[in-house]
Amino acid sequence: MNMMSEAAVEKALDQKMNDSSYKMIGKDVSVYYGEKRALFDVNLNVRENTVTALIGPSGCGKSTFLRCLNRMNDTIENCRVTGRITLDADDIYDQNIDVVELRARVGMVFQKPNPFPKSIYENISYGPRIHGLARNKADMDQIVEASLQRAGLWTEVKDRLHESGTGLSGGQQQRLCIARAVAVSPEVILMDEPCSALDPIATAKVEELIHELRANYTIVIVTHSMQQAARVSQRTAMFHLGQLVEENDTDKMFTNPDDQRTQDYIMGRFG
């Protein structure tokens, strides 16, 4: 009976691997830092044009899983990832995958705004230039303007394009980093606590931007703020001690979760 149950689960997972409504699919994903295991057989699928929030207490594995989605863990010594993650059915850990190209398709915005110590224009144009996305300066000008428009920053910086990006406010710097990610035409945008260093007004602007970007991009966001997860996401996944506890529609997760640990975390009983 057990074997049949496992086979049924395996079949269901394989069917999901080919489901076109999922942009990225993680199957049995585990992560090891040397001998220490940080993630335990996580099965999590990311729906296209949807904001998926990863929640859970500090050290639960949510950022570790996020970094698996564009192979940022490759940069960490002694880190090993097992299982399978696909992007449009392509295994992103296949040895023939170009990691630079992958990170253009799956962009990342970090917790702390990290603009390059260059002009606003050069911050945006850097990615398109190395990926050969612009044929001439007119093309590049168009990419820069469109990216800043999408990040809701164009009207604030259009007369300052050749000033340093580090001279912007914290909230503007974070939107500049989002514009920089958008400039290479990604399909997925990963956000690792993108508002944790921002004030409430800047946070509101970034949340509004996330809502607008969902029309064109698939977004996965790690957040410690339950209110933020409830505001910006359509799906929520709860992590605890390296395991995926549950994943469901955000409304259901916050009103009627299936697992008591999710209920306890949302109610502030631990974390």
C-alpha atoms as a PDB file:
ATOM      1  CA  MET A   1       0.000   0.000   0.000  1.00  0.00           C
ATOM      2  CA  ASN A   2       2.840   2.312   0.880  1.00  0.00           C
ATOM      3  CA  MET A   3       4.595   1.612  -2.413  1.00  0.00           C
ATOM      4  CA  MET A   4       1.414   2.426  -4.363  1.00  0.00           C
ATOM      5  CA  SER A   5       1.052   5.654  -2.423  1.00  0.00           C
ATOM      6  CA  GLU A   6       4.644   6.684  -3.202  1.00  0.00           C
ATOM      7  CA  ALA A   7       4.168   5.768  -6.868  1.00  0.00           C
ATOM      8  CA  ALA A   8       1.016   7.880  -7.022  1.00  0.00           C
ATOM      9  CA  VAL A   9       2.845  10.840  -5.498  1.00  0.00           C
ATOM     10  CA  GLU A  10       5.705  10.383  -7.964  1.00  0.00           C
ATOM     11  CA  LYS A  11       3.286  10.280 -10.893  1.00  0.00           C
ATOM     12  CA  ALA A  12       1.524  13.435  -9.714  1.00  0.00           C
ATOM     13  CA  LEU A  13       4.855  15.254  -9.389  1.00  0.00           C
ATOM     14  CA  ASP A  14       5.910  14.160 -12.872  1.00  0.00           C
ATOM     15  CA  GLN A  15       2.628  15.449 -14.285  1.00  0.00           C
ATOM     16  CA  LYS A  16       3.249  18.787 -12.598  1.00  0.00           C
ATOM     17  CA  MET A  17       6.727  18.941 -14.153  1.00  0.00           C
ATOM     18  CA  ASN A  18       4.955  19.177 -17.517  1.00  0.00           C
ATOM     19  CA  ASP A  19       2.170  21.542 -16.413  1.00  0.00           C
ATOM     20  CA  SER A  20       2.423  24.748 -18.478  1.00  0.00           C
ATOM     21  CA  SER A  21       0.780  26.820 -15.730  1.00  0.00           C
ATOM     22  CA  TYR A  22       3.962  26.383 -13.671  1.00  0.00           C
ATOM     23  CA  LYS A  23       6.925  28.551 -14.623  1.00  0.00           C
ATOM     24  CA  MET A  24       9.396  26.847 -12.294  1.00  0.00           C
ATOM     25  CA  ILE A  25       9.104  23.481 -10.600  1.00  0.00           C
ATOM     26  CA  GLY A  26      11.182  22.163  -7.730  1.00  0.00           C
ATOM     27  CA  LYS A  27      11.165  18.431  -7.055  1.00  0.00           C
ATOM     28  CA  ASP A  28      12.862  16.825  -4.025  1.00  0.00           C
ATOM     29  CA  VAL A  29      15.190  19.810  -3.613  1.00  0.00           C
ATOM     30  CA  SER A  30      17.722  19.408  -0.817  1.00  0.00           C
ATOM     31  CA  VAL A  31      20.635  21.682   0.018  1.00  0.00           C
ATOM     32  CA  TYR A  32      23.765  20.809   2.001  1.00  0.00           C
ATOM     33  CA  TYR A  33      26.407  23.183   3.357  1.00  0.00           C
ATOM     34  CA  GLY A  34      29.230  20.744   3.883  1.00  0.00           C
ATOM     35  CA  GLU A  35      27.780  18.114   6.230  1.00  0.00           C
ATOM     36  CA  LYS A  36      24.905  20.337   7.371  1.00  0.00           C
ATOM     37  CA  ARG A  37      21.602  19.825   5.595  1.00  0.00           C
ATOM     38  CA  ALA A  38      19.645  23.057   5.164  1.00  0.00           C
ATOM     39  CA  LEU A  39      16.717  21.907   2.976  1.00  0.00           C
ATOM     40  CA  PHE A  40      14.890  18.566   3.067  1.00  0.00           C
ATOM     41  CA  ASP A  41      13.251  17.261  -0.135  1.00  0.00           C
ATOM     42  CA  VAL A  42      11.268  20.394  -0.972  1.00  0.00           C
ATOM     43  CA  ASN A  43       8.588  20.076  -3.658  1.00  0.00           C
ATOM     44  CA  LEU A  44       7.414  23.554  -4.625  1.00  0.00           C
ATOM     45  CA  ASN A  45       6.012  24.798  -7.919  1.00  0.00           C
ATOM     46  CA  VAL A  46       5.950  28.455  -8.972  1.00  0.00           C
ATOM     47  CA  ARG A  47       2.983  29.555 -11.057  1.00  0.00           C
ATOM     48  CA  GLU A  48       3.446  31.847 -14.033  1.00  0.00           C
ATOM     49  CA  ASN A  49       2.543  35.550 -13.624  1.00  0.00           C
ATOM     50  CA  THR A  50       1.944  34.999  -9.929  1.00  0.00           C
ATOM     51  CA  VAL A  51       3.615  36.394  -6.816  1.00  0.00           C
ATOM     52  CA  THR A  52       4.643  33.528  -4.537  1.00  0.00           C
ATOM     53  CA  ALA A  53       5.677  34.512  -0.997  1.00  0.00           C
ATOM     54  CA  LEU A  54       8.057  32.331   1.011  1.00  0.00           C
ATOM     55  CA  ILE A  55       7.499  32.774   4.749  1.00  0.00           C
ATOM     56  CA  GLY A  56       8.827  31.213   7.936  1.00  0.00           C
ATOM     57  CA  PRO A  57      11.126  31.977  10.881  1.00  0.00           C
ATOM     58  CA  SER A  58      14.776  32.955  10.467  1.00  0.00           C
ATOM     59  CA  GLY A  59      16.967  30.075   9.362  1.00  0.00           C
ATOM     60  CA  CYS A  60      14.033  27.999   8.077  1.00  0.00           C
ATOM     61  CA  GLY A  61      15.415  27.607   4.532  1.00  0.00           C
ATOM     62  CA  LYS A  62      13.286  30.062   2.545  1.00  0.00           C
ATOM     63  CA  SER A  63      16.215  32.183   1.301  1.00  0.00           C
ATOM     64  CA  THR A  64      18.228  29.019   0.667  1.00  0.00           C
ATOM     65  CA  PHE A  65      15.437  27.722  -1.573  1.00  0.00           C
ATOM     66  CA  LEU A  66      15.123  31.104  -3.306  1.00  0.00           C
ATOM     67  CA  ARG A  67      18.839  31.055  -4.173  1.00  0.00           C
ATOM     68  CA  CYS A  68      18.411  27.597  -5.706  1.00  0.00           C
ATOM     69  CA  LEU A  69      16.091  29.069  -8.346  1.00  0.00           C
ATOM     70  CA  ASN A  70      18.899  30.945 -10.136  1.00  0.00           C
ATOM     71  CA  ARG A  71      21.824  28.903  -8.819  1.00  0.00           C
ATOM     72  CA  MET A  72      23.151  31.632  -6.539  1.00  0.00           C
ATOM     73  CA  ASN A  73      24.111  28.835  -4.149  1.00  0.00           C
ATOM     74  CA  ASP A  74      26.772  27.880  -6.712  1.00  0.00           C
ATOM     75  CA  THR A  75      28.815  30.807  -5.382  1.00  0.00           C
ATOM     76  CA  ILE A  76      28.911  29.350  -1.839  1.00  0.00           C
ATOM     77  CA  GLU A  77      31.809  27.033  -1.037  1.00  0.00           C
ATOM     78  CA  ASN A  78      30.863  23.501   0.013  1.00  0.00           C
ATOM     79  CA  CYS A  79      27.223  24.024  -1.003  1.00  0.00           C
ATOM     80  CA  ARG A  80      25.562  21.086  -2.748  1.00  0.00           C
ATOM     81  CA  VAL A  81      22.062  20.988  -4.258  1.00  0.00           C
ATOM     82  CA  THR A  82      20.227  17.769  -5.053  1.00  0.00           C
ATOM     83  CA  GLY A  83      16.839  17.144  -6.629  1.00  0.00           C
ATOM     84  CA  ARG A  84      15.545  18.845  -9.749  1.00  0.00           C
ATOM     85  CA  ILE A  85      14.456  22.383 -10.610  1.00  0.00           C
ATOM     86  CA  THR A  86      13.039  23.239 -14.018  1.00  0.00           C
ATOM     87  CA  LEU A  87      12.387  26.524 -15.801  1.00  0.00           C
ATOM     88  CA  ASP A  88       9.883  25.967 -18.612  1.00  0.00           C
ATOM     89  CA  ALA A  89      10.637  22.229 -18.312  1.00  0.00           C
ATOM     90  CA  ASP A  90      14.419  22.746 -18.707  1.00  0.00           C
ATOM     91  CA  ASP A  91      16.534  21.418 -15.831  1.00  0.00           C
ATOM     92  CA  ILE A  92      18.458  24.481 -14.601  1.00  0.00           C
ATOM     93  CA  TYR A  93      21.115  22.273 -12.981  1.00  0.00           C
ATOM     94  CA  ASP A  94      21.887  20.493 -16.258  1.00  0.00           C
ATOM     95  CA  GLN A  95      25.622  20.703 -16.971  1.00  0.00           C
ATOM     96  CA  ASN A  96      24.922  22.283 -20.371  1.00  0.00           C
ATOM     97  CA  ILE A  97      22.974  25.232 -18.897  1.00  0.00           C
ATOM     98  CA  ASP A  98      24.692  28.608 -19.240  1.00  0.00           C
ATOM     99  CA  VAL A  99      24.451  30.035 -15.698  1.00  0.00           C
ATOM    100  CA  VAL A 100      24.941  33.629 -16.905  1.00  0.00           C
ATOM    101  CA  GLU A 101      22.016  33.188 -19.287  1.00  0.00           C
ATOM    102  CA  LEU A 102      19.963  31.543 -16.524  1.00  0.00           C
ATOM    103  CA  ARG A 103      20.503  34.533 -14.234  1.00  0.00           C
ATOM    104  CA  ALA A 104      19.336  36.834 -17.004  1.00  0.00           C
ATOM    105  CA  ARG A 105      16.117  34.809 -17.257  1.00  0.00           C
ATOM    106  CA  VAL A 106      15.779  34.555 -13.466  1.00  0.00           C
ATOM    107  CA  GLY A 107      16.808  37.911 -12.027  1.00  0.00           C
ATOM    108  CA  MET A 108      17.377  38.727  -8.371  1.00  0.00           C
ATOM    109  CA  VAL A 109      16.788  41.706  -6.099  1.00  0.00           C
ATOM    110  CA  PHE A 110      18.574  41.521  -2.767  1.00  0.00           C
ATOM    111  CA  GLN A 111      17.660  42.554   0.765  1.00  0.00           C
ATOM    112  CA  LYS A 112      19.916  45.606   0.781  1.00  0.00           C
ATOM    113  CA  PRO A 113      19.829  47.901  -2.262  1.00  0.00           C
ATOM    114  CA  ASN A 114      23.110  47.356  -4.126  1.00  0.00           C
ATOM    115  CA  PRO A 115      23.379  49.729  -7.080  1.00  0.00           C
ATOM    116  CA  PHE A 116      26.685  49.705  -8.929  1.00  0.00           C
ATOM    117  CA  PRO A 117      28.927  52.702  -8.120  1.00  0.00           C
ATOM    118  CA  LYS A 118      28.112  54.043 -11.577  1.00  0.00           C
ATOM    119  CA  SER A 119      25.583  56.404 -13.098  1.00  0.00           C
ATOM    120  CA  ILE A 120      21.876  55.573 -13.077  1.00  0.00           C
ATOM    121  CA  TYR A 121      22.068  55.059 -16.844  1.00  0.00           C
ATOM    122  CA  GLU A 122      25.057  52.695 -16.560  1.00  0.00           C
ATOM    123  CA  ASN A 123      23.341  50.697 -13.806  1.00  0.00           C
ATOM    124  CA  ILE A 124      20.537  49.863 -16.227  1.00  0.00           C
ATOM    125  CA  SER A 125      22.586  49.546 -19.426  1.00  0.00           C
ATOM    126  CA  TYR A 126      25.210  47.187 -17.988  1.00  0.00           C
ATOM    127  CA  GLY A 127      23.136  43.987 -18.290  1.00  0.00           C
ATOM    128  CA  PRO A 128      21.708  44.662 -21.761  1.00  0.00           C
ATOM    129  CA  ARG A 129      25.215  45.543 -22.973  1.00  0.00           C
ATOM    130  CA  ILE A 130      26.865  42.290 -21.824  1.00  0.00           C
ATOM    131  CA  HIS A 131      23.934  40.260 -23.175  1.00  0.00           C
ATOM    132  CA  GLY A 132      23.956  42.079 -26.534  1.00  0.00           C
ATOM    133  CA  LEU A 133      20.361  43.274 -26.265  1.00  0.00           C
ATOM    134  CA  ALA A 134      20.917  46.697 -27.857  1.00  0.00           C
ATOM    135  CA  ARG A 135      22.141  47.280 -31.414  1.00  0.00           C
ATOM    136  CA  ASN A 136      22.957  50.952 -30.913  1.00  0.00           C
ATOM    137  CA  LYS A 137      22.666  53.844 -28.454  1.00  0.00           C
ATOM    138  CA  ALA A 138      19.075  54.584 -29.468  1.00  0.00           C
ATOM    139  CA  ASP A 139      18.129  50.995 -28.583  1.00  0.00           C
ATOM    140  CA  MET A 140      19.944  51.277 -25.267  1.00  0.00           C
ATOM    141  CA  ASP A 141      18.269  54.599 -24.463  1.00  0.00           C
ATOM    142  CA  GLN A 142      14.919  52.937 -25.072  1.00  0.00           C
ATOM    143  CA  ILE A 143      15.762  49.972 -22.826  1.00  0.00           C
ATOM    144  CA  VAL A 144      16.925  52.283 -20.032  1.00  0.00           C
ATOM    145  CA  GLU A 145      13.797  54.422 -20.200  1.00  0.00           C
ATOM    146  CA  ALA A 146      11.441  51.432 -20.431  1.00  0.00           C
ATOM    147  CA  SER A 147      13.133  49.703 -17.485  1.00  0.00           C
ATOM    148  CA  LEU A 148      12.953  52.805 -15.302  1.00  0.00           C
ATOM    149  CA  GLN A 149       9.320  53.300 -16.338  1.00  0.00           C
ATOM    150  CA  ARG A 150       8.478  49.734 -15.305  1.00  0.00           C
ATOM    151  CA  ALA A 151      10.192  50.288 -11.967  1.00  0.00           C
ATOM    152  CA  GLY A 152       8.192  53.469 -11.400  1.00  0.00           C
ATOM    153  CA  LEU A 153      11.366  55.538 -11.285  1.00  0.00           C
ATOM    154  CA  TRP A 154      11.556  57.325 -14.639  1.00  0.00           C
ATOM    155  CA  THR A 155       9.858  60.597 -13.658  1.00  0.00           C
ATOM    156  CA  GLU A 156      12.081  60.874 -10.570  1.00  0.00           C
ATOM    157  CA  VAL A 157      15.425  60.353 -12.331  1.00  0.00           C
ATOM    158  CA  LYS A 158      14.965  61.226 -16.034  1.00  0.00           C
ATOM    159  CA  ASP A 159      16.960  64.461 -15.576  1.00  0.00           C
ATOM    160  CA  ARG A 160      19.636  62.746 -13.441  1.00  0.00           C
ATOM    161  CA  LEU A 161      20.557  59.753 -15.569  1.00  0.00           C
ATOM    162  CA  HIS A 162      24.270  60.526 -15.479  1.00  0.00           C
ATOM    163  CA  GLU A 163      24.408  61.032 -11.723  1.00  0.00           C
ATOM    164  CA  SER A 164      25.524  58.204  -9.456  1.00  0.00           C
ATOM    165  CA  GLY A 165      22.941  55.582  -8.552  1.00  0.00           C
ATOM    166  CA  THR A 166      24.344  55.537  -5.013  1.00  0.00           C
ATOM    167  CA  GLY A 167      23.135  59.113  -4.548  1.00  0.00           C
ATOM    168  CA  LEU A 168      19.482  58.052  -4.621  1.00  0.00           C
ATOM    169  CA  SER A 169      17.408  57.412  -1.503  1.00  0.00           C
ATOM    170  CA  GLY A 170      17.171  53.850  -0.185  1.00  0.00           C
ATOM    171  CA  GLY A 171      13.754  53.272  -1.742  1.00  0.00           C
ATOM    172  CA  GLN A 172      14.853  54.729  -5.062  1.00  0.00           C
ATOM    173  CA  GLN A 173      17.994  52.571  -4.992  1.00  0.00           C
ATOM    174  CA  GLN A 174      15.879  49.458  -4.515  1.00  0.00           C
ATOM    175  CA  ARG A 175      13.628  50.413  -7.429  1.00  0.00           C
ATOM    176  CA  LEU A 176      16.789  51.084  -9.465  1.00  0.00           C
ATOM    177  CA  CYS A 177      17.910  47.530  -8.660  1.00  0.00           C
ATOM    178  CA  ILE A 178      14.507  46.241  -9.794  1.00  0.00           C
ATOM    179  CA  ALA A 179      14.858  48.283 -13.011  1.00  0.00           C
ATOM    180  CA  ARG A 180      18.329  46.795 -13.483  1.00  0.00           C
ATOM    181  CA  ALA A 181      16.876  43.280 -13.144  1.00  0.00           C
ATOM    182  CA  VAL A 182      14.034  44.098 -15.566  1.00  0.00           C
ATOM    183  CA  ALA A 183      16.414  45.556 -18.173  1.00  0.00           C
ATOM    184  CA  VAL A 184      17.611  42.130 -19.378  1.00  0.00           C
ATOM    185  CA  SER A 185      14.011  40.971 -19.987  1.00  0.00           C
ATOM    186  CA  PRO A 186      13.840  38.265 -17.314  1.00  0.00           C
ATOM    187  CA  GLU A 187      10.986  35.819 -17.031  1.00  0.00           C
ATOM    188  CA  VAL A 188      11.226  35.400 -13.265  1.00  0.00           C
ATOM    189  CA  ILE A 189      12.229  37.933 -10.596  1.00  0.00           C
ATOM    190  CA  LEU A 190      13.438  36.698  -7.205  1.00  0.00           C
ATOM    191  CA  MET A 191      13.231  39.133  -4.286  1.00  0.00           C
ATOM    192  CA  ASP A 192      14.973  38.383  -0.988  1.00  0.00           C
ATOM    193  CA  GLU A 193      13.321  40.611   1.633  1.00  0.00           C
ATOM    194  CA  PRO A 194      13.421  43.600  -0.750  1.00  0.00           C
ATOM    195  CA  CYS A 195      11.749  46.005   1.703  1.00  0.00           C
ATOM    196  CA  SER A 196      13.464  45.102   4.978  1.00  0.00           C
ATOM    197  CA  ALA A 197      15.844  48.084   4.755  1.00  0.00           C
ATOM    198  CA  LEU A 198      13.176  50.557   3.587  1.00  0.00           C
ATOM    199  CA  ASP A 199      10.868  52.969   5.379  1.00  0.00           C
ATOM    200  CA  PRO A 200       7.056  52.474   5.177  1.00  0.00           C
ATOM    201  CA  ILE A 201       6.573  54.932   2.283  1.00  0.00           C
ATOM    202  CA  ALA A 202       9.318  53.342   0.176  1.00  0.00           C
ATOM    203  CA  THR A 203       7.964  49.898   1.095  1.00  0.00           C
ATOM    204  CA  ALA A 204       4.508  50.854  -0.155  1.00  0.00           C
ATOM    205  CA  LYS A 205       5.990  51.990  -3.483  1.00  0.00           C
ATOM    206  CA  VAL A 206       7.907  48.734  -3.935  1.00  0.00           C
ATOM    207  CA  GLU A 207       4.803  46.687  -3.044  1.00  0.00           C
ATOM    208  CA  GLU A 208       2.759  48.641  -5.589  1.00  0.00           C
ATOM    209  CA  LEU A 209       5.505  47.962  -8.126  1.00  0.00           C
ATOM    210  CA  ILE A 210       5.433  44.222  -7.379  1.00  0.00           C
ATOM    211  CA  HIS A 211       1.697  44.226  -8.027  1.00  0.00           C
ATOM    212  CA  GLU A 212       2.217  45.939 -11.405  1.00  0.00           C
ATOM    213  CA  LEU A 213       5.139  43.723 -12.438  1.00  0.00           C
ATOM    214  CA  ARG A 214       3.098  40.548 -11.960  1.00  0.00           C
ATOM    215  CA  ALA A 215       1.361  41.187 -15.282  1.00  0.00           C
ATOM    216  CA  ASN A 216       4.644  40.550 -17.120  1.00  0.00           C
ATOM    217  CA  TYR A 217       6.812  38.558 -14.728  1.00  0.00           C
ATOM    218  CA  THR A 218       6.681  35.612 -12.359  1.00  0.00           C
ATOM    219  CA  ILE A 219       7.806  36.769  -8.907  1.00  0.00           C
ATOM    220  CA  VAL A 220       9.038  34.865  -5.860  1.00  0.00           C
ATOM    221  CA  ILE A 221       9.534  36.939  -2.716  1.00  0.00           C
ATOM    222  CA  VAL A 222      11.006  36.051   0.666  1.00  0.00           C
ATOM    223  CA  THR A 223       9.525  38.178   3.432  1.00  0.00           C
ATOM    224  CA  HIS A 224       9.421  38.222   7.229  1.00  0.00           C
ATOM    225  CA  SER A 225       6.362  40.474   7.126  1.00  0.00           C
ATOM    226  CA  MET A 226       3.114  38.548   7.280  1.00  0.00           C
ATOM    227  CA  GLN A 227       1.257  41.712   6.282  1.00  0.00           C
ATOM    228  CA  GLN A 228       3.437  42.110   3.220  1.00  0.00           C
ATOM    229  CA  ALA A 229       2.954  38.485   2.173  1.00  0.00           C
ATOM    230  CA  ALA A 230      -0.811  38.936   2.512  1.00  0.00           C
ATOM    231  CA  ARG A 231      -0.754  42.183   0.497  1.00  0.00           C
ATOM    232  CA  VAL A 232       1.457  41.259  -2.452  1.00  0.00           C
ATOM    233  CA  SER A 233       1.169  37.499  -3.053  1.00  0.00           C
ATOM    234  CA  GLN A 234      -1.382  35.142  -4.534  1.00  0.00           C
ATOM    235  CA  ARG A 235       0.389  31.995  -3.304  1.00  0.00           C
ATOM    236  CA  THR A 236       2.267  31.477  -0.036  1.00  0.00           C
ATOM    237  CA  ALA A 237       4.679  28.743   1.023  1.00  0.00           C
ATOM    238  CA  MET A 238       5.546  28.164   4.667  1.00  0.00           C
ATOM    239  CA  PHE A 239       8.997  26.822   5.588  1.00  0.00           C
ATOM    240  CA  HIS A 240      10.131  25.505   8.981  1.00  0.00           C
ATOM    241  CA  LEU A 241      13.414  23.838   9.933  1.00  0.00           C
ATOM    242  CA  GLY A 242      14.393  23.299   6.304  1.00  0.00           C
ATOM    243  CA  GLN A 243      11.095  21.694   5.329  1.00  0.00           C
ATOM    244  CA  LEU A 244       8.188  22.972   3.269  1.00  0.00           C
ATOM    245  CA  VAL A 245       5.283  22.831   5.705  1.00  0.00           C
ATOM    246  CA  GLU A 246       2.559  23.748   3.214  1.00  0.00           C
ATOM    247  CA  GLU A 247       1.815  25.876   0.153  1.00  0.00           C
ATOM    248  CA  ASN A 248      -1.541  27.236  -0.894  1.00  0.00           C
ATOM    249  CA  ASP A 249      -3.528  30.280  -1.982  1.00  0.00           C
ATOM    250  CA  THR A 250      -2.481  33.187   0.200  1.00  0.00           C
ATOM    251  CA  ASP A 251      -6.035  33.884   1.365  1.00  0.00           C
ATOM    252  CA  LYS A 252      -6.428  30.306   2.579  1.00  0.00           C
ATOM    253  CA  MET A 253      -2.988  30.225   4.212  1.00  0.00           C
ATOM    254  CA  PHE A 254      -3.807  33.295   6.298  1.00  0.00           C
ATOM    255  CA  THR A 255      -7.379  32.336   7.220  1.00  0.00           C
ATOM    256  CA  ASN A 256      -7.468  28.548   7.330  1.00  0.00           C
ATOM    257  CA  PRO A 257      -4.021  26.928   7.033  1.00  0.00           C
ATOM    258  CA  ASP A 258      -3.775  23.149   6.902  1.00  0.00           C
ATOM    259  CA  ASP A 259      -0.855  22.865   9.333  1.00  0.00           C
ATOM    260  CA  GLN A 260      -0.821  24.011  12.967  1.00  0.00           C
ATOM    261  CA  ARG A 261       2.757  25.268  12.589  1.00  0.00           C
ATOM    262  CA  THR A 262       1.600  27.714   9.919  1.00  0.00           C
ATOM    263  CA  GLN A 263      -1.205  28.916  12.179  1.00  0.00           C
ATOM    264  CA  ASP A 264       1.213  29.350  15.091  1.00  0.00           C
ATOM    265  CA  TYR A 265       3.730  31.277  12.992  1.00  0.00           C
ATOM    266  CA  ILE A 266       1.127  33.600  11.469  1.00  0.00           C
ATOM    267  CA  MET A 267      -0.291  34.261  14.952  1.00  0.00           C
ATOM    268  CA  GLY A 268       3.185  35.136  16.244  1.00  0.00           C
ATOM    269  CA  ARG A 269       3.531  32.169  18.596  1.00  0.00           C
ATOM    270  CA  PHE A 270       7.054  31.465  17.301  1.00  0.00           C
ATOM    271  CA  GLY A 271       9.510  32.918  14.833  1.00  0.00           C
END
